[in-house]
N, C-alpha and C. Protein backbone atom coordinates (compact mmCIF):
# COMPACT_ATOMS: atom_id res chain seq x y z
N MET A 1 -19.42 28.93 3.22
CA MET A 1 -18.87 27.27 2.71
C MET A 1 -20.35 26.80 3.20
N ALA A 2 -20.46 25.90 2.31
CA ALA A 2 -21.64 24.53 2.81
C ALA A 2 -21.34 24.00 3.75
N ASP A 3 -22.08 23.73 4.58
CA ASP A 3 -22.60 23.32 6.07
C ASP A 3 -21.95 21.64 5.59
N ASN A 4 -21.85 20.88 4.92
CA ASN A 4 -21.28 19.59 4.70
C ASN A 4 -19.84 19.41 4.08
N TYR A 5 -19.56 20.66 3.92
CA TYR A 5 -18.37 20.46 3.02
C TYR A 5 -17.30 19.44 3.90
N LEU A 6 -17.14 20.00 4.99
CA LEU A 6 -16.01 18.74 5.74
C LEU A 6 -16.59 17.51 5.75
N GLU A 7 -17.63 17.30 5.75
CA GLU A 7 -18.51 15.85 5.90
C GLU A 7 -18.39 15.06 4.47
N LYS A 8 -18.52 15.71 3.60
CA LYS A 8 -18.38 14.87 2.18
C LYS A 8 -17.12 14.88 2.01
N HIS A 9 -15.74 15.66 2.33
CA HIS A 9 -14.43 15.77 2.17
C HIS A 9 -14.34 14.40 2.81
N ARG A 10 -14.70 13.88 3.85
CA ARG A 10 -13.92 13.20 5.14
C ARG A 10 -14.61 12.09 4.32
N GLU A 11 -15.61 12.10 3.47
CA GLU A 11 -16.28 10.82 3.18
C GLU A 11 -15.18 10.32 2.06
N GLU A 12 -15.13 11.28 1.23
CA GLU A 12 -14.41 10.49 0.40
C GLU A 12 -12.93 10.46 0.44
N TYR A 13 -12.45 10.87 1.26
CA TYR A 13 -10.84 10.43 2.48
C TYR A 13 -11.56 9.03 2.61
N GLU A 14 -12.66 8.91 3.49
CA GLU A 14 -12.35 7.17 3.90
C GLU A 14 -12.65 6.36 2.84
N LYS A 15 -13.06 7.06 1.32
CA LYS A 15 -13.54 5.84 0.40
C LYS A 15 -12.08 5.80 -0.13
N ARG A 16 -11.29 6.46 -0.30
CA ARG A 16 -9.86 6.47 -1.10
C ARG A 16 -9.01 5.79 0.12
N LYS A 17 -9.22 5.92 1.25
CA LYS A 17 -8.49 5.26 2.53
C LYS A 17 -8.21 3.23 2.45
N ALA A 18 -9.93 3.58 1.98
CA ALA A 18 -10.16 1.84 2.15
C ALA A 18 -9.84 1.11 0.71
N ARG A 19 -10.30 1.78 -0.04
CA ARG A 19 -9.15 1.60 -1.90
C ARG A 19 -7.81 1.10 -1.45
N TYR A 20 -7.50 2.14 -1.06
CA TYR A 20 -5.78 1.82 -0.88
C TYR A 20 -5.51 0.71 0.03
N LEU A 21 -6.29 0.55 1.51
CA LEU A 21 -5.74 -0.61 2.30
C LEU A 21 -6.43 -2.06 1.58
N LEU A 22 -7.36 -2.18 0.55
CA LEU A 22 -7.62 -2.80 0.13
C LEU A 22 -6.77 -3.40 -1.21
N ARG A 23 -6.50 -2.56 -1.76
CA ARG A 23 -5.35 -2.69 -3.10
C ARG A 23 -3.97 -3.31 -1.87
N LYS A 24 -3.31 -2.48 -1.20
CA LYS A 24 -2.16 -3.06 -0.37
C LYS A 24 -2.51 -4.00 0.37
N ARG A 25 -3.51 -4.59 0.72
CA ARG A 25 -3.24 -5.85 1.26
C ARG A 25 -3.15 -6.97 0.16
N HIS A 26 -3.56 -6.65 -1.39
CA HIS A 26 -3.62 -7.91 -2.44
C HIS A 26 -1.96 -7.86 -2.48
N ILE A 27 -1.39 -6.88 -2.28
CA ILE A 27 -0.07 -6.73 -3.40
C ILE A 27 0.85 -7.45 -2.41
N LYS A 28 1.68 -8.77 -2.89
CA LYS A 28 2.18 -9.45 -2.35
C LYS A 28 4.15 -8.92 -2.57
N PRO A 29 4.83 -8.96 -1.55
CA PRO A 29 5.73 -8.19 -1.94
C PRO A 29 6.98 -9.22 -2.77
N CYS A 30 7.68 -8.80 -3.46
CA CYS A 30 8.34 -9.86 -4.08
C CYS A 30 9.55 -10.23 -3.67
N PRO A 31 9.99 -11.39 -3.34
CA PRO A 31 10.80 -11.93 -2.59
C PRO A 31 12.20 -11.78 -3.29
N ILE A 32 13.33 -11.37 -2.53
CA ILE A 32 14.67 -10.83 -3.40
C ILE A 32 15.18 -12.08 -2.85
N HIS A 33 15.71 -12.53 -4.48
CA HIS A 33 16.56 -14.13 -4.29
C HIS A 33 17.89 -13.83 -4.75
N LEU A 34 18.75 -13.75 -3.40
CA LEU A 34 20.13 -13.49 -3.56
C LEU A 34 21.07 -15.10 -3.91
N GLN A 35 21.31 -15.14 -5.15
CA GLN A 35 22.55 -16.50 -4.83
C GLN A 35 23.90 -16.16 -4.42
N LYS A 36 24.33 -17.03 -3.29
CA LYS A 36 25.36 -17.38 -2.77
C LYS A 36 26.16 -18.25 -3.66
N PRO A 37 27.61 -17.59 -4.09
CA PRO A 37 28.55 -18.72 -4.60
C PRO A 37 28.79 -19.63 -3.68
N GLU A 38 28.86 -20.46 -4.22
CA GLU A 38 29.45 -22.07 -3.70
C GLU A 38 30.46 -22.07 -2.53
N ASP A 39 31.68 -20.79 -3.27
CA ASP A 39 32.98 -21.11 -2.66
C ASP A 39 32.71 -19.88 -2.04
N GLU A 40 32.36 -19.12 -0.88
CA GLU A 40 32.55 -17.94 -0.45
C GLU A 40 33.95 -17.17 -0.63
N ALA A 41 34.76 -18.44 -0.37
CA ALA A 41 36.37 -17.41 -0.58
C ALA A 41 36.64 -16.79 -1.76
N LEU A 42 36.00 -17.08 -2.60
CA LEU A 42 36.45 -16.69 -4.20
C LEU A 42 35.79 -15.20 -4.28
């Protein structure tokens, strides 16, 4: 194997991780709107 095999894969991993974290920060969770009935005895 080449000497820089692990270093190259580590760099690729760090780039993918950075892209994932940036994308993750920009995604807003969708709030779930539950509608309660006016009269809960129904």
